[in-house]
Amino acid sequence: MGKTKFIVPKDGVGDATLQKNLDWASGQGIGCDPIQSYVVCAEPATVRYPATFAVSHYHRRKGGIENTCDFRSTAQTTTKDPSHGKCKYV
């Protein structure tokens, strides 16, 4: 059985681009309640964490299809779980 894949922003991607990814993924009906309230998956308070949650959750909801993870070359796959604190990606 393969390792679970997560989608994370590439290093160096700016906050404005991360915000666009977050807004787009959230608008796809993926159930982003934990990030829309900026409570659980928005800590620490940077756009990187909620954007990571949104793109990873979108990818998972689409069945892990490879072409749902690129986000205009601003995201990449990893097997390292980006969960932190109470924010769980699995």
Protein backbone atom coordinates (compact mmCIF):
# COMPACT_ATOMS: atom_id res chain seq x y z
CA MET A 1 0.00 0.00 0.00
CA GLY A 2 1.38 3.44 -0.96
CA LYS A 3 2.03 6.28 1.37
CA THR A 4 -0.57 8.99 1.75
CA LYS A 5 0.11 12.00 -0.44
CA PHE A 6 -0.40 15.54 0.74
CA ILE A 7 -0.32 18.71 -1.31
CA VAL A 8 1.70 21.61 0.05
CA PRO A 9 2.75 24.97 -1.36
CA LYS A 10 6.20 25.10 -2.87
CA ASP A 11 8.83 27.02 -0.95
CA GLY A 12 9.03 30.65 -1.98
CA VAL A 13 5.41 30.99 -3.09
CA GLY A 14 4.21 34.42 -1.96
CA ASP A 15 1.26 35.19 0.28
CA ALA A 16 -0.79 36.75 -2.55
CA THR A 17 -0.56 33.54 -4.59
CA LEU A 18 -1.29 31.39 -1.56
CA GLN A 19 -4.38 33.51 -0.87
CA LYS A 20 -5.56 32.99 -4.46
CA ASN A 21 -5.11 29.22 -4.06
CA LEU A 22 -6.98 29.31 -0.75
CA ASP A 23 -9.83 31.36 -2.20
CA TRP A 24 -10.15 29.14 -5.26
CA ALA A 25 -10.03 25.84 -3.37
CA SER A 26 -12.50 27.12 -0.78
CA GLY A 27 -14.87 28.14 -3.56
CA GLN A 28 -14.96 24.58 -4.91
CA GLY A 29 -17.30 23.35 -2.18
CA ILE A 30 -14.70 21.25 -0.41
CA GLY A 31 -15.96 21.87 3.12
CA CYS A 32 -13.31 24.20 4.46
CA ASP A 33 -15.08 24.97 7.75
CA PRO A 34 -11.87 24.58 9.78
CA ILE A 35 -10.11 27.24 7.71
CA GLN A 36 -13.01 29.55 6.94
CA SER A 37 -13.31 30.32 10.62
CA TYR A 38 -9.50 30.63 10.86
CA VAL A 39 -9.49 28.65 14.07
CA VAL A 40 -8.00 25.17 13.80
CA CYS A 41 -5.95 25.12 10.60
CA ALA A 42 -5.04 28.79 10.49
CA GLU A 43 -2.47 28.71 13.24
CA PRO A 44 0.09 30.05 13.20
CA ALA A 45 -1.61 33.08 11.69
CA THR A 46 -0.15 33.04 8.18
CA VAL A 47 -1.89 32.34 4.90
CA ARG A 48 0.45 29.38 4.25
CA TYR A 49 -1.30 27.05 6.74
CA PRO A 50 -4.90 27.53 5.63
CA ALA A 51 -3.77 27.45 1.98
CA THR A 52 -1.97 24.16 2.62
CA PHE A 53 -5.09 22.71 4.21
CA ALA A 54 -7.31 23.90 1.36
CA VAL A 55 -5.20 22.58 -1.52
CA SER A 56 -4.51 19.27 0.21
CA HIS A 57 -8.18 18.83 1.08
CA TYR A 58 -9.23 19.71 -2.49
CA HIS A 59 -6.80 17.14 -3.89
CA ARG A 60 -8.08 14.45 -1.52
CA ARG A 61 -11.74 15.25 -2.28
CA LYS A 62 -10.99 14.85 -5.99
CA GLY A 63 -9.76 11.31 -5.34
CA GLY A 64 -6.07 12.13 -5.33
CA ILE A 65 -6.00 12.58 -9.08
CA GLU A 66 -2.55 13.78 -10.07
CA ASN A 67 -3.71 16.80 -12.09
CA THR A 68 -5.53 18.25 -9.06
CA CYS A 69 -2.33 19.07 -7.21
CA ASP A 70 -0.37 21.56 -9.30
CA PHE A 71 -2.19 24.84 -8.58
CA ARG A 72 -0.41 26.62 -11.46
CA SER A 73 2.99 25.26 -10.45
CA THR A 74 2.69 26.64 -6.90
CA ALA A 75 2.07 23.32 -5.10
CA GLN A 76 3.74 19.93 -4.87
CA THR A 77 3.05 16.48 -3.47
CA THR A 78 4.73 15.13 -0.36
CA THR A 79 4.37 12.09 1.86
CA LYS A 80 5.29 14.16 4.92
CA ASP A 81 2.10 14.82 6.88
CA PRO A 82 1.69 18.62 7.28
CA SER A 83 -0.61 18.18 10.31
CA HIS A 84 0.20 20.40 13.24
CA GLY A 85 -1.43 20.89 16.62
CA LYS A 86 -5.16 20.20 16.32
CA CYS A 87 -5.12 20.61 12.54
CA LYS A 88 -5.18 17.07 11.14
CA TYR A 89 -4.90 16.38 7.43
CA VAL A 90 -5.70 12.66 7.62
